């Protein structure tokens, strides 16, 4: 029997199976990284997620078929596949990020995303046939033994996938970010291949082949180690190209990417690339959002979202408001509001009258949060399913549980001019939840025509009015508010089906973009 045909002894089969688990963990992490990149750079969504998952699974099958001619040289083929997988997977995040930033278009990044999905899926799919061949090397392929081998292989593969699925969201992404997280995963992938080479495959390959394989793995490791060290420069340079103004703060959390820019006196907040406000004109938006909800003499206010602290700032200016509950999902937004954005919100979130709660709004509304005279819903536009659930009839029905009798609900509803379907869908959805609704809109130069919905439980729609004791404001007054309820023919009312948890129509409306 030649050395190439020597079986992998039982002593080292456990090492090979451990390598299987490590490689499977890396494979699932690569897929999760692609999904994360799709969401962060291209907006993600159900369609993109489905295409990535389906494309990845299809590529697994294609890789298993394409590797069949190499099974006669399974040992060397396995090392080659792992080296390529480590390089492609480790570089995928950096490549996509750079392409997205420098091409300044989603087309290039979409092609890189598709290519990365196909390559990584194909290489991962090639692993199982090669490993099965290695585990069976030199053995008589009895049915029961082949079944045991396949069972061990699948168990290691699936357990590794579970490990990777837990490591990405809880360790790699929050601690290292997308680029460094993918590079670190590639290094682990290559290290696992090196362990297999040194402790297992040296028994079934020639010394020259082993030396060549180890040199290739070492070169790939050096490449990814360089990326790991220089990733901060790459990410900073690429990210800055996406924003016109200098970036002064950046956070990447489990929920979103937070960016704050500043040029002269203009500070801007972006969440996942979407502009949330500019200090040049945010007072127009904030005053229009807050004060109509206080027209009934509200003394207690619940703010859902609004983690930038701007709504809380205005509420603190209103005499009589003694209790403000702020519910925000992402603690990093609160931290940025208390530091980088402190001048913009006047330190509102540190005021003793403001009680900040970190948590999911739908979950919080199910609890014993108490009753409020006004509820202000200040959330980003519903361009993802995660946000779409907060623009559903179910969500507004839960919000009603927090409203005191006669209390007012106000919702930022997007632009009736730029995204009219989404705006009127939101109005219809609130109405379907048992409210009488009065829509209104104002001009915010940064955003254009921007709309809101003021609502009250029952059949009588509230007439927007300013609080009698409102403080001096820069933009809003009763005459402006009266005019805000008038809609011209080109942005006039539409009767649309409501958006629900089961059918988040408002997300599709936002996906269609500008009309």
Protein backbone atom coordinates (compact mmCIF):
# COMPACT_ATOMS: atom_id res chain seq x y z
CA UNK A 1 0.00 0.00 0.00
CA UNK A 2 1.43 3.38 -0.99
CA UNK A 3 1.57 6.26 1.44
CA UNK A 4 -1.13 8.08 -0.50
CA UNK A 5 -3.53 5.19 0.04
CA UNK A 6 -2.81 4.79 3.76
CA UNK A 7 -5.96 5.05 5.87
CA UNK A 8 -6.58 7.82 8.34
CA UNK A 9 -6.21 6.01 11.63
CA UNK A 10 -8.85 6.09 14.31
CA UNK A 11 -6.41 8.02 16.46
CA UNK A 12 -6.63 11.04 14.15
CA UNK A 13 -10.22 10.75 13.01
CA UNK A 14 -11.31 12.87 15.98
CA UNK A 15 -8.88 15.59 14.86
CA UNK A 16 -10.34 15.49 11.37
CA UNK A 17 -13.89 15.69 12.73
CA UNK A 18 -12.90 18.64 14.93
CA UNK A 19 -11.56 20.33 11.81
CA UNK A 20 -14.88 19.60 10.13
CA UNK A 21 -16.69 21.41 12.94
CA UNK A 22 -14.32 24.39 12.74
CA UNK A 23 -14.69 24.64 8.96
CA UNK A 24 -18.48 24.36 9.22
CA UNK A 25 -18.49 27.16 11.78
CA UNK A 26 -16.46 29.31 9.40
CA UNK A 27 -18.78 28.48 6.51
CA UNK A 28 -21.91 29.61 8.34
CA UNK A 29 -20.13 32.74 9.57
CA UNK A 30 -19.27 33.66 5.98
CA UNK A 31 -22.93 33.33 5.02
CA UNK A 32 -24.04 35.42 8.01
CA UNK A 33 -21.42 38.03 7.12
CA UNK A 34 -22.87 38.24 3.60
CA UNK A 35 -26.36 38.70 5.04
CA UNK A 36 -25.08 41.39 7.43
CA UNK A 37 -23.33 43.19 4.59
CA UNK A 38 -26.44 43.02 2.45
CA UNK A 39 -28.49 44.62 5.22
CA UNK A 40 -25.89 47.29 6.07
CA UNK A 41 -24.88 48.31 2.56
CA UNK A 42 -27.84 47.54 0.33
CA UNK A 43 -30.72 47.66 2.80
CA UNK A 44 -31.14 43.89 2.99
CA UNK A 45 -34.75 42.82 3.20
CA UNK A 46 -36.65 39.62 2.54
CA UNK A 47 -35.80 39.46 -1.18
CA UNK A 48 -32.06 39.96 -0.69
CA UNK A 49 -31.99 37.56 2.26
CA UNK A 50 -33.90 34.90 0.33
CA UNK A 51 -31.61 35.23 -2.68
CA UNK A 52 -28.47 34.94 -0.55
CA UNK A 53 -29.74 31.93 1.39
CA UNK A 54 -31.12 30.20 -1.70
CA UNK A 55 -28.01 31.03 -3.73
CA UNK A 56 -25.77 29.75 -0.97
CA UNK A 57 -27.65 26.45 -0.69
CA UNK A 58 -27.65 26.01 -4.48
CA UNK A 59 -23.90 26.68 -4.52
CA UNK A 60 -23.42 23.98 -1.87
CA UNK A 61 -24.89 21.44 -4.26
CA UNK A 62 -22.91 22.76 -7.20
CA UNK A 63 -19.68 22.58 -5.21
CA UNK A 64 -20.37 18.97 -4.22
CA UNK A 65 -20.82 18.01 -7.88
CA UNK A 66 -17.86 19.98 -9.22
CA UNK A 67 -15.41 18.42 -6.76
CA UNK A 68 -16.16 14.83 -7.89
CA UNK A 69 -13.21 14.67 -10.35
CA UNK A 70 -10.85 15.64 -7.50
CA UNK A 71 -11.88 12.88 -5.08
CA UNK A 72 -8.97 10.73 -6.24
CA UNK A 73 -6.70 13.42 -4.78
CA UNK A 74 -8.89 14.25 -1.79
CA UNK A 75 -6.09 15.24 0.57
CA UNK A 76 -4.51 17.90 -1.64
CA UNK A 77 -7.92 19.02 -2.91
CA UNK A 78 -9.12 19.52 0.68
CA UNK A 79 -6.17 21.77 1.51
CA UNK A 80 -6.68 23.74 -1.70
CA UNK A 81 -10.39 24.19 -0.98
CA UNK A 82 -9.74 25.35 2.59
CA UNK A 83 -7.04 27.77 1.47
CA UNK A 84 -9.34 29.30 -1.13
CA UNK A 85 -12.26 29.36 1.29
CA UNK A 86 -10.20 31.11 3.94
CA UNK A 87 -9.01 33.74 1.45
CA UNK A 88 -12.35 34.34 -0.29
CA UNK A 89 -14.37 34.31 2.92
CA UNK A 90 -11.84 36.35 4.85
CA UNK A 91 -11.66 39.02 2.15
CA UNK A 92 -15.38 39.07 1.30
CA UNK A 93 -16.41 41.78 3.74
CA UNK A 94 -13.52 44.08 2.87
CA UNK A 95 -14.07 43.59 -0.88
CA UNK A 96 -17.77 44.32 -0.71
CA UNK A 97 -17.28 47.34 1.55
CA UNK A 98 -14.61 48.83 -0.73
CA UNK A 99 -16.61 48.19 -3.92
CA UNK A 100 -19.73 49.74 -2.41
CA UNK A 101 -17.83 52.82 -1.25
CA UNK A 102 -15.68 53.46 -4.30
CA UNK A 103 -18.14 52.59 -7.07
CA UNK A 104 -20.76 54.75 -5.36
CA UNK A 105 -23.52 52.49 -6.68
CA UNK A 106 -25.30 49.40 -5.48
CA UNK A 107 -24.81 47.52 -8.77
CA UNK A 108 -21.14 46.76 -8.19
CA UNK A 109 -21.66 45.66 -4.62
CA UNK A 110 -24.59 43.46 -5.70
CA UNK A 111 -22.37 41.64 -8.18
CA UNK A 112 -19.63 41.20 -5.57
CA UNK A 113 -22.24 39.93 -3.12
CA UNK A 114 -23.56 37.42 -5.67
CA UNK A 115 -20.05 36.28 -6.60
CA UNK A 116 -19.05 35.93 -2.96
CA UNK A 117 -22.18 33.88 -2.21
CA UNK A 118 -21.51 31.54 -5.14
CA UNK A 119 -17.80 31.08 -4.42
CA UNK A 120 -18.15 30.56 -0.69
CA UNK A 121 -21.14 28.24 -1.07
CA UNK A 122 -19.37 26.21 -3.74
CA UNK A 123 -16.21 25.79 -1.67
CA UNK A 124 -18.18 24.85 1.46
CA UNK A 125 -20.15 22.34 -0.61
CA UNK A 126 -16.94 20.72 -1.77
CA UNK A 127 -15.82 20.03 1.81
CA UNK A 128 -18.18 17.17 2.67
CA UNK A 129 -17.36 14.88 -0.30
CA UNK A 130 -13.64 15.44 0.27
CA UNK A 131 -13.87 14.79 4.00
CA UNK A 132 -16.02 11.73 3.45
CA UNK A 133 -13.38 10.38 1.09
CA UNK A 134 -10.61 11.07 3.61
CA UNK A 135 -12.49 9.42 6.46
CA UNK A 136 -13.12 6.33 4.32
CA UNK A 137 -9.57 6.18 2.92
CA UNK A 138 -8.23 2.62 2.98
CA UNK A 139 -11.40 1.18 4.52
CA UNK A 140 -13.91 -1.30 3.14
CA UNK A 141 -17.05 0.67 2.46
CA UNK A 142 -19.60 -1.49 4.26
CA UNK A 143 -23.03 0.07 4.43
CA UNK A 144 -23.15 0.33 8.23
CA UNK A 145 -19.65 1.77 8.49
CA UNK A 146 -20.31 4.25 5.71
CA UNK A 147 -23.48 5.25 7.56
CA UNK A 148 -21.57 5.76 10.81
CA UNK A 149 -18.96 7.85 9.03
CA UNK A 150 -21.61 10.01 7.40
CA UNK A 151 -23.41 10.39 10.75
CA UNK A 152 -20.19 11.53 12.46
CA UNK A 153 -19.45 13.90 9.59
CA UNK A 154 -22.93 15.43 9.64
CA UNK A 155 -22.90 15.74 13.44
CA UNK A 156 -19.58 17.61 13.37
CA UNK A 157 -20.78 19.75 10.46
CA UNK A 158 -24.07 20.77 12.09
CA UNK A 159 -22.56 21.35 15.53
CA UNK A 160 -19.94 23.55 13.93
CA UNK A 161 -22.67 25.49 12.12
CA UNK A 162 -24.44 26.04 15.45
CA UNK A 163 -21.22 27.35 16.97
CA UNK A 164 -20.66 29.71 14.04
CA UNK A 165 -24.24 30.95 14.22
CA UNK A 166 -23.73 31.93 17.86
CA UNK A 167 -20.23 33.36 17.53
CA UNK A 168 -21.03 35.83 14.72
CA UNK A 169 -23.78 37.92 16.37
CA UNK A 170 -22.57 37.66 19.96
CA UNK A 171 -18.78 37.85 19.59
CA UNK A 172 -17.26 38.56 16.20
CA UNK A 173 -19.60 41.25 14.86
CA UNK A 174 -19.91 43.37 18.04
CA UNK A 175 -16.24 43.01 19.00
CA UNK A 176 -14.48 43.11 15.62
CA UNK A 177 -16.99 44.43 13.10
CA UNK A 178 -17.71 43.03 9.66
CA UNK A 179 -14.30 43.37 7.99
CA UNK A 180 -12.16 42.20 10.90
CA UNK A 181 -14.72 39.57 11.88
CA UNK A 182 -14.64 37.99 8.43
CA UNK A 183 -10.83 38.17 8.33
CA UNK A 184 -10.56 36.52 11.75
CA UNK A 185 -12.90 33.77 10.56
CA UNK A 186 -10.70 33.21 7.52
CA UNK A 187 -7.66 32.86 9.77
CA UNK A 188 -9.48 30.24 11.87
CA UNK A 189 -10.42 28.43 8.66
CA UNK A 190 -6.81 28.35 7.50
CA UNK A 191 -5.57 27.33 10.94
CA UNK A 192 -7.95 24.36 10.94
CA UNK A 193 -6.66 23.32 7.53
CA UNK A 194 -3.09 23.60 8.79
CA UNK A 195 -3.87 21.37 11.78
CA UNK A 196 -5.35 18.76 9.48
CA UNK A 197 -2.26 18.97 7.25
CA UNK A 198 0.25 18.55 10.06
CA UNK A 199 -1.46 15.95 12.19
CA UNK A 200 -3.55 13.96 9.74
CA UNK A 201 -2.73 14.43 6.08
CA UNK A 202 1.03 14.02 6.50
CA UNK A 203 0.21 10.31 6.64
CA UNK A 204 -1.48 10.31 3.23
CA UNK A 205 0.53 12.84 1.18
CA UNK A 206 4.16 13.09 0.20
CA UNK A 207 6.55 15.43 2.08
CA UNK A 208 6.77 17.70 -0.97
CA UNK A 209 2.99 17.99 -1.20
CA UNK A 210 2.75 18.66 2.52
CA UNK A 211 5.40 21.40 2.33
CA UNK A 212 3.64 23.02 -0.64
CA UNK A 213 0.30 22.94 1.15
CA UNK A 214 1.72 24.47 4.32
CA UNK A 215 3.46 27.22 2.34
CA UNK A 216 0.18 28.06 0.59
CA UNK A 217 -1.66 28.17 3.91
CA UNK A 218 1.06 30.34 5.45
CA UNK A 219 0.84 32.82 2.57
CA UNK A 220 -2.93 32.98 2.92
CA UNK A 221 -2.60 33.46 6.69
CA UNK A 222 -0.15 36.31 6.15
CA UNK A 223 -2.57 37.99 3.74
CA UNK A 224 -5.48 37.82 6.19
CA UNK A 225 -3.29 38.86 9.12
CA UNK A 226 -2.30 41.96 7.14
CA UNK A 227 -5.97 42.69 6.47
CA UNK A 228 -6.74 42.25 10.17
CA UNK A 229 -4.07 44.80 11.09
CA UNK A 230 -4.92 47.30 8.35
CA UNK A 231 -8.69 46.86 8.39
CA UNK A 232 -9.27 50.01 10.40
CA UNK A 233 -7.59 52.14 7.71
CA UNK A 234 -9.53 50.39 4.93
CA UNK A 235 -12.83 50.75 6.72
CA UNK A 236 -12.27 54.37 7.69
CA UNK A 237 -11.24 55.38 4.17
CA UNK A 238 -14.12 53.50 2.54
CA UNK A 239 -16.70 54.75 5.02
CA UNK A 240 -15.68 58.37 4.68
CA UNK A 241 -16.27 58.18 0.92
CA UNK A 242 -19.93 57.43 1.62
CA UNK A 243 -20.45 60.74 3.47
CA UNK A 244 -19.92 64.26 2.21
CA UNK A 245 -18.92 65.63 5.62
CA UNK A 246 -16.20 64.49 8.04
CA UNK A 247 -17.22 61.61 10.32
CA UNK A 248 -16.83 62.47 13.99
CA UNK A 249 -18.42 59.36 15.54
CA UNK A 250 -19.04 55.81 14.39
CA UNK A 251 -20.60 52.77 16.04
CA UNK A 252 -21.52 49.39 14.59
CA UNK A 253 -23.96 47.60 16.87
CA UNK A 254 -26.01 44.43 16.70
CA UNK A 255 -28.87 46.59 15.38
CA UNK A 256 -27.40 49.15 13.02
CA UNK A 257 -24.51 51.31 11.89
CA UNK A 258 -24.44 54.72 13.57
CA UNK A 259 -22.55 57.60 11.93
CA UNK A 260 -22.36 61.24 13.00
CA UNK A 261 -20.84 63.83 10.66
CA UNK A 262 -20.07 67.48 11.19
CA UNK A 263 -19.12 70.38 8.97
CA UNK A 264 -19.02 73.81 10.54
CA UNK A 265 -22.27 74.07 12.55
CA UNK A 266 -24.08 71.29 10.70
CA UNK A 267 -24.15 68.01 12.63
CA UNK A 268 -25.90 65.04 11.02
CA UNK A 269 -26.94 61.63 12.30
CA UNK A 270 -27.15 58.60 9.99
CA UNK A 271 -28.50 55.16 10.85
CA UNK A 272 -27.55 52.44 8.36
CA UNK A 273 -26.70 55.19 5.88
CA UNK A 274 -30.08 56.94 6.19
CA UNK A 275 -30.06 60.58 7.30
CA UNK A 276 -32.03 61.08 10.53
CA UNK A 277 -31.55 64.80 11.06
CA UNK A 278 -29.42 67.84 10.32
CA UNK A 279 -28.99 70.49 12.98
CA UNK A 280 -29.56 73.09 10.24
CA UNK A 281 -33.30 72.40 10.21
CA UNK A 282 -34.17 69.59 12.62
CA UNK A 283 -36.18 72.07 14.71
CA UNK A 284 -38.82 72.14 11.95
CA UNK A 285 -39.23 68.37 12.14
CA UNK A 286 -38.99 68.13 15.93
CA UNK A 287 -41.42 70.94 16.71
CA UNK A 288 -43.92 69.54 14.20
CA UNK A 289 -43.65 66.09 15.75
CA UNK A 290 -43.89 67.06 19.41
CA UNK A 291 -46.19 70.04 20.00
CA UNK A 292 -49.38 68.83 18.23
CA UNK A 293 -49.34 65.84 20.61
CA UNK A 294 -49.30 68.25 23.58
CA UNK A 295 -52.29 70.32 22.50
CA UNK A 296 -54.57 68.53 24.94
CA UNK A 297 -52.49 69.59 27.92
CA UNK A 298 -50.39 66.46 28.24
CA UNK A 299 -48.48 66.01 31.48
CA UNK A 300 -46.98 62.58 30.80
CA UNK A 301 -45.45 61.52 27.46
CA UNK A 302 -44.14 58.25 26.09
CA UNK A 303 -41.51 58.56 23.35
CA UNK A 304 -40.93 55.42 21.28
CA UNK A 305 -37.65 55.70 19.40
CA UNK A 306 -36.27 59.23 19.29
CA UNK A 307 -33.00 58.06 20.80
CA UNK A 308 -31.22 61.18 19.54
CA UNK A 309 -32.90 63.07 22.41
CA UNK A 310 -34.38 65.84 20.24
CA UNK A 311 -38.01 65.06 21.06
CA UNK A 312 -37.13 64.87 24.76
CA UNK A 313 -35.44 68.27 24.47
CA UNK A 314 -38.67 69.88 23.23
CA UNK A 315 -40.81 68.06 25.77
CA UNK A 316 -38.65 69.44 28.57
CA UNK A 317 -39.32 72.97 27.28
CA UNK A 318 -43.09 72.52 27.58
CA UNK A 319 -44.49 73.69 30.95
CA UNK A 320 -46.56 71.05 32.67
CA UNK A 321 -44.85 67.99 31.21
CA UNK A 322 -43.53 66.25 34.29
CA UNK A 323 -43.00 62.65 33.17
CA UNK A 324 -41.19 61.52 30.00
CA UNK A 325 -40.60 57.85 29.26
CA UNK A 326 -38.09 57.18 26.47
CA UNK A 327 -38.04 53.64 24.98
CA UNK A 328 -35.07 52.99 22.67
CA UNK A 329 -33.86 49.66 21.33
CA UNK A 330 -30.16 50.42 20.79
CA UNK A 331 -28.15 51.55 23.84
CA UNK A 332 -25.42 52.86 21.54
CA UNK A 333 -27.82 55.49 20.16
CA UNK A 334 -28.47 56.71 23.70
CA UNK A 335 -24.74 56.81 24.38
CA UNK A 336 -24.09 58.85 21.22
CA UNK A 337 -26.95 61.18 22.16
CA UNK A 338 -25.44 61.76 25.59
CA UNK A 339 -21.97 62.48 24.17
CA UNK A 340 -21.53 63.49 20.54
CA UNK A 341 -25.07 64.87 20.17
CA UNK A 342 -25.29 66.47 23.60
CA UNK A 343 -25.18 70.03 22.24
CA UNK A 344 -27.98 69.25 19.78
CA UNK A 345 -30.33 67.81 22.42
CA UNK A 346 -29.23 70.07 25.29
CA UNK A 347 -28.43 67.04 27.46
CA UNK A 348 -32.10 66.10 27.57
CA UNK A 349 -31.56 62.40 28.23
CA UNK A 350 -29.73 63.15 31.49
CA UNK A 351 -32.58 65.26 32.84
CA UNK A 352 -34.21 63.64 35.91
CA UNK A 353 -37.65 64.03 34.31
CA UNK A 354 -36.62 61.66 31.49
CA UNK A 355 -36.67 57.94 32.21
CA UNK A 356 -34.70 56.06 29.53
CA UNK A 357 -35.61 52.41 28.95
CA UNK A 358 -33.54 50.17 26.69
CA UNK A 359 -35.71 47.57 25.02
CA UNK A 360 -37.91 46.54 22.14
CA UNK A 361 -40.97 48.79 21.90
CA UNK A 362 -43.46 46.01 21.15
CA UNK A 363 -42.23 43.99 24.10
CA UNK A 364 -42.29 47.02 26.40
CA UNK A 365 -45.84 47.95 25.39
CA UNK A 366 -47.04 44.50 26.44
CA UNK A 367 -45.77 45.13 29.97
CA UNK A 368 -47.14 47.28 32.80
CA UNK A 369 -45.70 50.56 31.56
CA UNK A 370 -48.60 52.71 32.71
CA UNK A 371 -50.77 55.27 30.92
CA UNK A 372 -49.60 58.46 29.20
CA UNK A 373 -51.39 61.55 27.97
CA UNK A 374 -49.44 61.45 24.71
CA UNK A 375 -47.43 58.86 22.78
CA UNK A 376 -44.83 60.06 20.27
CA UNK A 377 -43.56 57.46 17.78
CA UNK A 378 -40.30 58.74 16.31
CA UNK A 379 -38.82 55.82 14.38
CA UNK A 380 -36.76 55.50 11.19
CA UNK A 381 -38.63 54.87 7.96
CA UNK A 382 -39.93 51.28 7.65
CA UNK A 383 -37.56 50.14 4.90
CA UNK A 384 -36.80 46.78 6.56
CA UNK A 385 -39.06 44.07 7.99
CA UNK A 386 -37.64 44.77 11.47
CA UNK A 387 -38.87 48.36 11.29
CA UNK A 388 -42.01 47.40 9.36
CA UNK A 389 -43.38 45.59 12.41
CA UNK A 390 -43.40 48.95 14.21
CA UNK A 391 -45.63 50.39 11.49
CA UNK A 392 -48.28 47.65 11.74
CA UNK A 393 -51.86 47.61 13.00
CA UNK A 394 -50.73 45.30 15.79
CA UNK A 395 -48.13 47.80 16.98
CA UNK A 396 -50.57 50.73 17.00
CA UNK A 397 -53.10 48.58 18.85
CA UNK A 398 -50.48 47.93 21.52
CA UNK A 399 -49.68 51.65 21.66
CA UNK A 400 -53.34 52.29 22.49
CA UNK A 401 -52.83 50.37 25.74
CA UNK A 402 -50.40 53.09 26.84
CA UNK A 403 -52.75 55.97 26.06
CA UNK A 404 -54.82 57.55 28.81
CA UNK A 405 -58.47 58.29 27.91
CA UNK A 406 -58.51 61.10 25.36
CA UNK A 407 -54.74 60.84 24.85
CA UNK A 408 -53.08 61.65 21.54
CA UNK A 409 -50.77 59.55 19.39
CA UNK A 410 -48.42 61.15 16.86
CA UNK A 411 -46.34 59.18 14.32
CA UNK A 412 -43.68 60.35 11.91
CA UNK A 413 -45.00 58.92 8.66
CA UNK A 414 -42.48 59.81 5.95
CA UNK A 415 -42.89 62.00 2.91
CA UNK A 416 -46.29 62.36 1.21
CA UNK A 417 -44.45 63.64 -1.86
CA UNK A 418 -41.43 61.34 -2.18
CA UNK A 419 -42.99 58.16 -0.77
CA UNK A 420 -46.76 58.80 -0.90
CA UNK A 421 -47.76 55.12 -0.76
CA UNK A 422 -45.80 54.60 2.46
CA UNK A 423 -47.21 57.81 3.97
CA UNK A 424 -50.87 57.05 3.25
CA UNK A 425 -50.32 53.39 4.10
CA UNK A 426 -49.21 54.49 7.57
CA UNK A 427 -52.31 56.67 7.93
CA UNK A 428 -54.54 53.77 6.85
CA UNK A 429 -52.76 51.40 9.22
CA UNK A 430 -53.25 53.68 12.23
CA UNK A 431 -56.92 54.09 11.28
CA UNK A 432 -57.34 50.30 10.99
CA UNK A 433 -56.05 49.96 14.56
CA UNK A 434 -59.08 51.86 15.88
CA UNK A 435 -57.93 55.49 15.73
CA UNK A 436 -59.37 58.57 14.11
CA UNK A 437 -56.47 60.18 12.23
CA UNK A 438 -55.54 63.66 11.08
CA UNK A 439 -52.55 63.68 8.72
CA UNK A 440 -50.43 66.82 8.32
CA UNK A 441 -47.18 67.79 6.63
CA UNK A 442 -44.53 70.49 6.72
CA UNK A 443 -41.47 71.46 4.73
CA UNK A 444 -38.10 70.40 6.16
CA UNK A 445 -35.38 71.56 3.73
CA UNK A 446 -33.11 68.57 4.36
CA UNK A 447 -35.92 66.07 3.72
CA UNK A 448 -38.41 68.03 1.63
CA UNK A 449 -42.13 67.61 2.24
CA UNK A 450 -42.47 65.55 5.43
CA UNK A 451 -45.58 64.11 6.99
CA UNK A 452 -47.02 63.09 10.34
CA UNK A 453 -50.19 61.48 11.64
CA UNK A 454 -52.03 62.74 14.73
CA UNK A 455 -54.52 60.25 16.13
CA UNK A 456 -56.98 59.60 18.93
CA UNK A 457 -58.92 56.47 19.82
CA UNK A 458 -62.51 56.64 18.60
CA UNK A 459 -64.37 58.16 15.66
CA UNK A 460 -63.60 61.86 16.08
CA UNK A 461 -60.31 62.93 14.49
CA UNK A 462 -58.29 65.38 16.59
CA UNK A 463 -57.86 68.94 15.34
CA UNK A 464 -54.13 69.74 15.62
CA UNK A 465 -53.60 72.65 17.97
CA UNK A 466 -50.71 74.22 19.75
CA UNK A 467 -50.51 74.11 23.55
CA UNK A 468 -51.74 77.36 25.01
CA UNK A 469 -48.55 77.69 27.07
CA UNK A 470 -46.08 76.56 24.40
CA UNK A 471 -42.61 78.12 24.65
CA UNK A 472 -41.34 80.43 21.89
CA UNK A 473 -40.65 78.29 18.81
CA UNK A 474 -38.58 78.91 15.70
CA UNK A 475 -41.00 77.37 13.20
CA UNK A 476 -44.35 76.05 14.38
CA UNK A 477 -47.36 78.15 15.32
CA UNK A 478 -51.12 77.66 15.02
CA UNK A 479 -51.34 79.20 11.56
CA UNK A 480 -48.57 76.95 10.25
CA UNK A 481 -50.23 73.95 11.89
CA UNK A 482 -53.61 74.77 10.38
CA UNK A 483 -52.05 74.99 6.93
CA UNK A 484 -50.18 71.75 7.50
CA UNK A 485 -53.43 69.75 7.38
CA UNK A 486 -54.11 70.85 3.78
CA UNK A 487 -52.88 68.50 1.02
CA UNK A 488 -52.69 69.50 -2.63
CA UNK A 489 -53.97 67.24 -5.37
CA UNK A 490 -50.59 65.71 -6.24
CA UNK A 491 -50.09 64.44 -2.68
CA UNK A 492 -53.73 63.95 -1.76
CA UNK A 493 -55.23 61.14 0.34
CA UNK A 494 -55.19 57.52 -0.77
CA UNK A 495 -57.24 54.66 0.62
CA UNK A 496 -54.86 51.74 1.05
CA UNK A 497 -54.88 48.38 2.78
CA UNK A 498 -53.25 48.50 6.24
CA UNK A 499 -49.81 47.12 6.92
CA UNK A 500 -49.76 44.16 9.32
CA UNK A 501 -47.27 41.79 10.86
CA UNK A 502 -48.46 39.11 8.47
CA UNK A 503 -48.27 41.38 5.42
CA UNK A 504 -45.90 44.34 5.98
CA UNK A 505 -47.08 46.28 2.94
CA UNK A 506 -45.41 49.49 4.09
CA UNK A 507 -41.97 47.88 3.65
CA UNK A 508 -42.76 47.18 -0.01
CA UNK A 509 -43.95 50.77 -0.37
CA UNK A 510 -40.59 52.02 0.90
CA UNK A 511 -38.73 49.56 -1.36
CA UNK A 512 -40.38 51.13 -4.40
CA UNK A 513 -38.69 54.38 -3.44
CA UNK A 514 -39.55 57.66 -5.06
CA UNK A 515 -42.55 57.89 -7.35
